[in-house]
Amino acid sequence: MNRKEKFTNACLNWAKAEYDRISILDKEPYKKFSVILSKVRIHFKDDVHFKEVKDPEQSWKTVLGHVLEGLIEYALEKELTKINLKCAKPTKTAMGKNFKIMEEELAVEIGGVKLLPDADRVVYQEDPFRIIAILSIKKKFRERIAQVGYWTIQLRQSGKDIKNIMVTTDENGTFTKPKLKKDKVKAKAIAHAHTNGTFVATEAEIEENGKVKKFNKIIEYLKEIIK
């Protein structure tokens, strides 16, 4: 594990502890993901890691992105266990013996080449092994939404029964602000048409509509699709 990975893990472990603390007092701790990320940044702002990088701001962006992914996995895992599902990073280290099977199940053929969809996490059943869904996780909804839509279409056209889900803390207000700029309107339209579900984790009130729902409803959705 290199220095950057060690720092990211330290940030994630701190974030998990903060999530647990909030969970004791708050029945909807998922609404505090953005708050936790802000606290991580404050807590580690003077870490020696930032004396060794050329662009601290870009480094923070990358680190907090990884922390959010790990935090969402952590928030989901207990509830997923109850319905015999797991959530993991789609890497050999995280998937272990199931990595090759995962690659085979996920791969779609494009132009004669087998490619894996972009995914931050996979939700799967271990025995027998089956991928239920892939998750794309972002702080701001507009980030990567076009790619998410693209891979949803590719999975659909390939006949694979694998759901493509977006999870976001919606820090740019795509689902909370009544008046949206053109780019946000476009992102919202893609969410409705070309994701299997978009789950929003925010303290603000969101417009739940069709495929767009609050983060705490993701387990309910997964229960439905494994019936």
Protein backbone atom coordinates (compact mmCIF):
# COMPACT_ATOMS: atom_id res chain seq x y z
CA MET A 1 0.00 0.00 0.00
CA ASN A 2 1.50 3.34 -1.04
CA ARG A 3 1.39 6.61 0.90
CA LYS A 4 -1.67 7.94 -0.93
CA GLU A 5 -3.62 4.71 -0.29
CA LYS A 6 -2.69 4.80 3.41
CA PHE A 7 -3.90 8.39 3.69
CA THR A 8 -7.16 7.58 1.89
CA ASN A 9 -7.75 4.60 4.19
CA ALA A 10 -7.12 6.77 7.25
CA CYS A 11 -9.70 9.28 5.97
CA LEU A 12 -12.21 6.50 5.24
CA ASN A 13 -11.80 4.87 8.66
CA TRP A 14 -12.34 8.26 10.32
CA ALA A 15 -15.44 8.81 8.15
CA LYS A 16 -16.86 5.41 9.11
CA ALA A 17 -16.40 6.17 12.80
CA GLU A 18 -18.17 9.51 12.34
CA TYR A 19 -21.01 7.78 10.46
CA ASP A 20 -21.41 5.33 13.36
CA ARG A 21 -21.49 8.20 15.84
CA ILE A 22 -24.16 10.03 13.83
CA SER A 23 -26.17 6.78 13.46
CA ILE A 24 -26.68 6.62 17.24
CA LEU A 25 -28.55 9.93 17.26
CA ASP A 26 -29.98 10.14 13.74
CA LYS A 27 -32.31 7.63 12.07
CA GLU A 28 -31.27 8.93 8.64
CA PRO A 29 -27.46 9.19 8.87
CA TYR A 30 -27.14 8.87 5.10
CA LYS A 31 -28.28 12.49 4.82
CA LYS A 32 -25.01 13.51 6.48
CA PHE A 33 -22.58 12.02 3.91
CA SER A 34 -21.62 15.50 2.64
CA VAL A 35 -21.23 16.78 6.20
CA ILE A 36 -18.93 13.86 7.01
CA LEU A 37 -16.78 14.58 3.95
CA SER A 38 -16.45 18.22 5.05
CA LYS A 39 -15.39 17.08 8.52
CA VAL A 40 -12.82 14.70 7.02
CA ARG A 41 -11.30 17.59 5.11
CA ILE A 42 -11.08 19.73 8.25
CA HIS A 43 -9.70 16.90 10.39
CA PHE A 44 -6.91 15.98 7.95
CA LYS A 45 -6.17 19.43 6.46
CA ASP A 46 -2.70 19.64 8.04
CA ASP A 47 -1.68 16.08 7.26
CA VAL A 48 1.86 15.63 5.94
CA HIS A 49 0.32 14.08 2.80
CA PHE A 50 -0.44 17.56 1.48
CA LYS A 51 3.17 18.69 1.80
CA GLU A 52 4.12 16.03 -0.71
CA VAL A 53 1.58 16.60 -3.51
CA LYS A 54 1.75 19.21 -6.28
CA ASP A 55 -1.96 19.99 -6.34
CA PRO A 56 -3.61 19.64 -2.89
CA GLU A 57 -7.06 20.62 -4.19
CA GLN A 58 -7.05 17.92 -6.89
CA SER A 59 -5.71 15.43 -4.35
CA TRP A 60 -8.61 16.24 -1.99
CA LYS A 61 -11.10 15.75 -4.82
CA THR A 62 -9.74 12.28 -5.53
CA VAL A 63 -9.46 11.27 -1.87
CA LEU A 64 -12.96 12.44 -0.95
CA GLY A 65 -14.38 10.64 -3.98
CA HIS A 66 -12.88 7.38 -2.73
CA VAL A 67 -14.04 8.10 0.83
CA LEU A 68 -17.62 8.65 -0.36
CA GLU A 69 -17.57 5.35 -2.28
CA GLY A 70 -16.27 3.48 0.77
CA LEU A 71 -18.73 5.22 3.08
CA ILE A 72 -21.70 4.27 0.92
CA GLU A 73 -20.49 0.66 0.77
CA TYR A 74 -20.19 0.73 4.57
CA ALA A 75 -23.68 2.22 4.97
CA LEU A 76 -25.20 -0.48 2.77
CA GLU A 77 -23.38 -3.62 3.89
CA LYS A 78 -25.37 -4.47 7.04
CA GLU A 79 -28.71 -4.19 5.27
CA LEU A 80 -27.41 -6.05 2.20
CA THR A 81 -26.30 -8.95 4.41
CA LYS A 82 -29.90 -9.36 5.57
CA ILE A 83 -30.98 -10.08 2.00
CA ASN A 84 -27.90 -12.22 1.19
CA LEU A 85 -26.17 -9.62 -0.97
CA LYS A 86 -22.71 -8.06 -0.85
CA CYS A 87 -21.19 -4.84 -2.13
CA ALA A 88 -17.56 -4.50 -3.22
CA LYS A 89 -15.17 -2.61 -5.43
CA PRO A 90 -14.86 -4.38 -8.81
CA THR A 91 -11.17 -5.20 -8.36
CA LYS A 92 -9.26 -8.46 -7.97
CA THR A 93 -8.28 -7.52 -4.42
CA ALA A 94 -11.88 -6.87 -3.35
CA MET A 95 -13.58 -9.64 -5.33
CA GLY A 96 -11.02 -12.40 -4.78
CA LYS A 97 -12.05 -15.74 -6.31
CA ASN A 98 -15.12 -14.13 -7.87
CA PHE A 99 -13.19 -11.58 -9.93
CA LYS A 100 -13.00 -13.56 -13.18
CA ILE A 101 -16.66 -14.60 -12.94
CA MET A 102 -17.58 -10.95 -12.33
CA GLU A 103 -15.67 -9.90 -15.46
CA GLU A 104 -17.45 -12.52 -17.55
CA GLU A 105 -20.89 -11.52 -16.27
CA LEU A 106 -20.30 -7.79 -16.69
CA ALA A 107 -18.51 -7.68 -20.04
CA VAL A 108 -20.42 -6.31 -23.01
CA GLU A 109 -19.26 -6.56 -26.62
CA ILE A 110 -18.78 -3.25 -28.43
CA GLY A 111 -17.26 -3.25 -31.89
CA GLY A 112 -16.06 -6.79 -31.47
CA VAL A 113 -14.27 -5.99 -28.19
CA LYS A 114 -15.42 -7.08 -24.72
CA LEU A 115 -15.49 -4.15 -22.33
CA LEU A 116 -16.47 -3.69 -18.69
CA PRO A 117 -18.98 -0.96 -17.79
CA ASP A 118 -17.74 1.86 -15.58
CA ALA A 119 -18.64 1.00 -11.98
CA ASP A 120 -17.54 2.17 -8.54
CA ARG A 121 -19.11 -0.80 -6.76
CA VAL A 122 -20.87 -4.05 -7.67
CA VAL A 123 -23.76 -5.52 -5.71
CA TYR A 124 -23.79 -9.28 -5.98
CA GLN A 125 -25.08 -12.57 -4.65
CA GLU A 126 -22.20 -14.87 -3.70
CA ASP A 127 -23.71 -18.36 -3.80
CA PRO A 128 -24.49 -18.96 -6.58
CA PHE A 129 -22.53 -15.96 -7.84
CA ARG A 130 -24.66 -13.38 -9.65
CA ILE A 131 -24.24 -9.66 -10.21
CA ILE A 132 -27.39 -7.80 -9.27
CA ALA A 133 -26.33 -4.22 -9.95
CA ILE A 134 -23.46 -1.84 -10.51
CA LEU A 135 -23.23 1.46 -8.66
CA SER A 136 -21.85 4.77 -9.91
CA ILE A 137 -21.20 7.06 -6.95
CA LYS A 138 -20.70 10.82 -7.26
CA LYS A 139 -20.93 13.95 -5.11
CA LYS A 140 -22.36 15.97 -7.99
CA PHE A 141 -24.97 14.32 -10.14
CA ARG A 142 -23.78 15.78 -13.45
CA GLU A 143 -20.43 14.04 -13.11
CA ARG A 144 -20.42 10.98 -15.34
CA ILE A 145 -24.19 10.87 -15.85
CA ALA A 146 -23.77 10.59 -19.63
CA GLN A 147 -21.45 7.59 -19.13
CA VAL A 148 -23.93 6.00 -16.73
CA GLY A 149 -26.67 6.40 -19.31
CA TYR A 150 -24.45 4.92 -22.01
CA TRP A 151 -23.64 1.79 -20.00
CA THR A 152 -27.29 1.31 -19.00
CA ILE A 153 -28.16 1.20 -22.69
CA GLN A 154 -25.30 -1.21 -23.44
CA LEU A 155 -26.30 -3.58 -20.64
CA ARG A 156 -29.91 -3.43 -21.78
CA GLN A 157 -29.05 -4.12 -25.42
CA SER A 158 -26.76 -7.01 -24.49
CA GLY A 159 -29.66 -8.71 -22.71
CA LYS A 160 -27.91 -8.72 -19.33
CA ASP A 161 -30.14 -8.58 -16.28
CA ILE A 162 -27.82 -6.24 -14.37
CA LYS A 163 -29.15 -2.94 -13.06
CA ASN A 164 -27.15 0.28 -13.41
CA ILE A 165 -27.72 2.53 -10.42
CA MET A 166 -26.56 6.07 -9.69
CA VAL A 167 -25.93 7.15 -6.09
CA THR A 168 -25.27 10.82 -5.43
CA THR A 169 -25.09 13.36 -2.63
CA ASP A 170 -26.35 15.86 -5.25
CA GLU A 171 -24.13 18.72 -4.10
CA ASN A 172 -25.06 20.81 -7.14
CA GLY A 173 -28.81 20.55 -6.41
CA THR A 174 -30.05 18.76 -9.53
CA PHE A 175 -32.92 17.20 -7.56
CA THR A 176 -33.54 19.90 -4.99
CA LYS A 177 -33.57 23.26 -6.77
CA PRO A 178 -36.86 24.22 -8.46
CA LYS A 179 -35.22 26.19 -11.29
CA LEU A 180 -32.54 24.29 -13.17
CA LYS A 181 -30.02 25.35 -15.78
CA LYS A 182 -30.03 23.56 -19.11
CA ASP A 183 -27.24 21.11 -18.19
CA LYS A 184 -29.05 20.02 -15.03
CA VAL A 185 -32.31 19.53 -16.93
CA LYS A 186 -30.38 17.27 -19.31
CA ALA A 187 -28.83 15.30 -16.42
CA LYS A 188 -32.22 14.86 -14.80
CA ALA A 189 -33.75 13.58 -18.06
CA ILE A 190 -30.95 10.99 -18.39
CA ALA A 191 -31.57 9.88 -14.80
CA HIS A 192 -35.20 9.14 -15.60
CA ALA A 193 -34.64 7.52 -18.99
CA HIS A 194 -31.25 5.82 -18.77
CA THR A 195 -30.53 4.72 -15.23
CA ASN A 196 -32.32 1.84 -13.55
CA GLY A 197 -32.51 3.97 -10.44
CA THR A 198 -31.01 7.15 -8.99
CA PHE A 199 -30.74 7.36 -5.21
CA VAL A 200 -30.06 10.71 -3.59
CA ALA A 201 -28.42 11.16 -0.18
CA THR A 202 -28.93 14.75 0.97
CA GLU A 203 -30.40 16.78 3.82
CA ALA A 204 -32.39 18.83 1.32
CA GLU A 205 -35.87 17.80 0.23
CA ILE A 206 -35.71 16.01 -3.10
CA GLU A 207 -38.28 15.60 -5.84
CA GLU A 208 -38.95 11.86 -5.74
CA ASN A 209 -40.32 10.86 -9.08
CA GLY A 210 -40.26 7.48 -10.82
CA LYS A 211 -36.69 6.26 -10.74
CA VAL A 212 -35.39 9.08 -8.54
CA LYS A 213 -35.65 8.28 -4.83
CA LYS A 214 -34.07 8.94 -1.45
CA PHE A 215 -30.97 6.89 -0.65
CA ASN A 216 -32.68 4.89 2.11
CA LYS A 217 -34.94 3.28 -0.50
CA ILE A 218 -32.11 1.54 -2.32
CA ILE A 219 -32.39 -1.63 -0.20
CA GLU A 220 -36.11 -1.82 -0.87
CA TYR A 221 -35.36 -1.53 -4.59
CA LEU A 222 -32.74 -4.30 -4.47
CA LYS A 223 -35.16 -6.56 -2.59
CA GLU A 224 -37.65 -6.14 -5.39
CA ILE A 225 -35.26 -7.03 -8.19
CA ILE A 226 -33.96 -10.22 -6.55
CA LYS A 227 -37.42 -11.70 -6.02
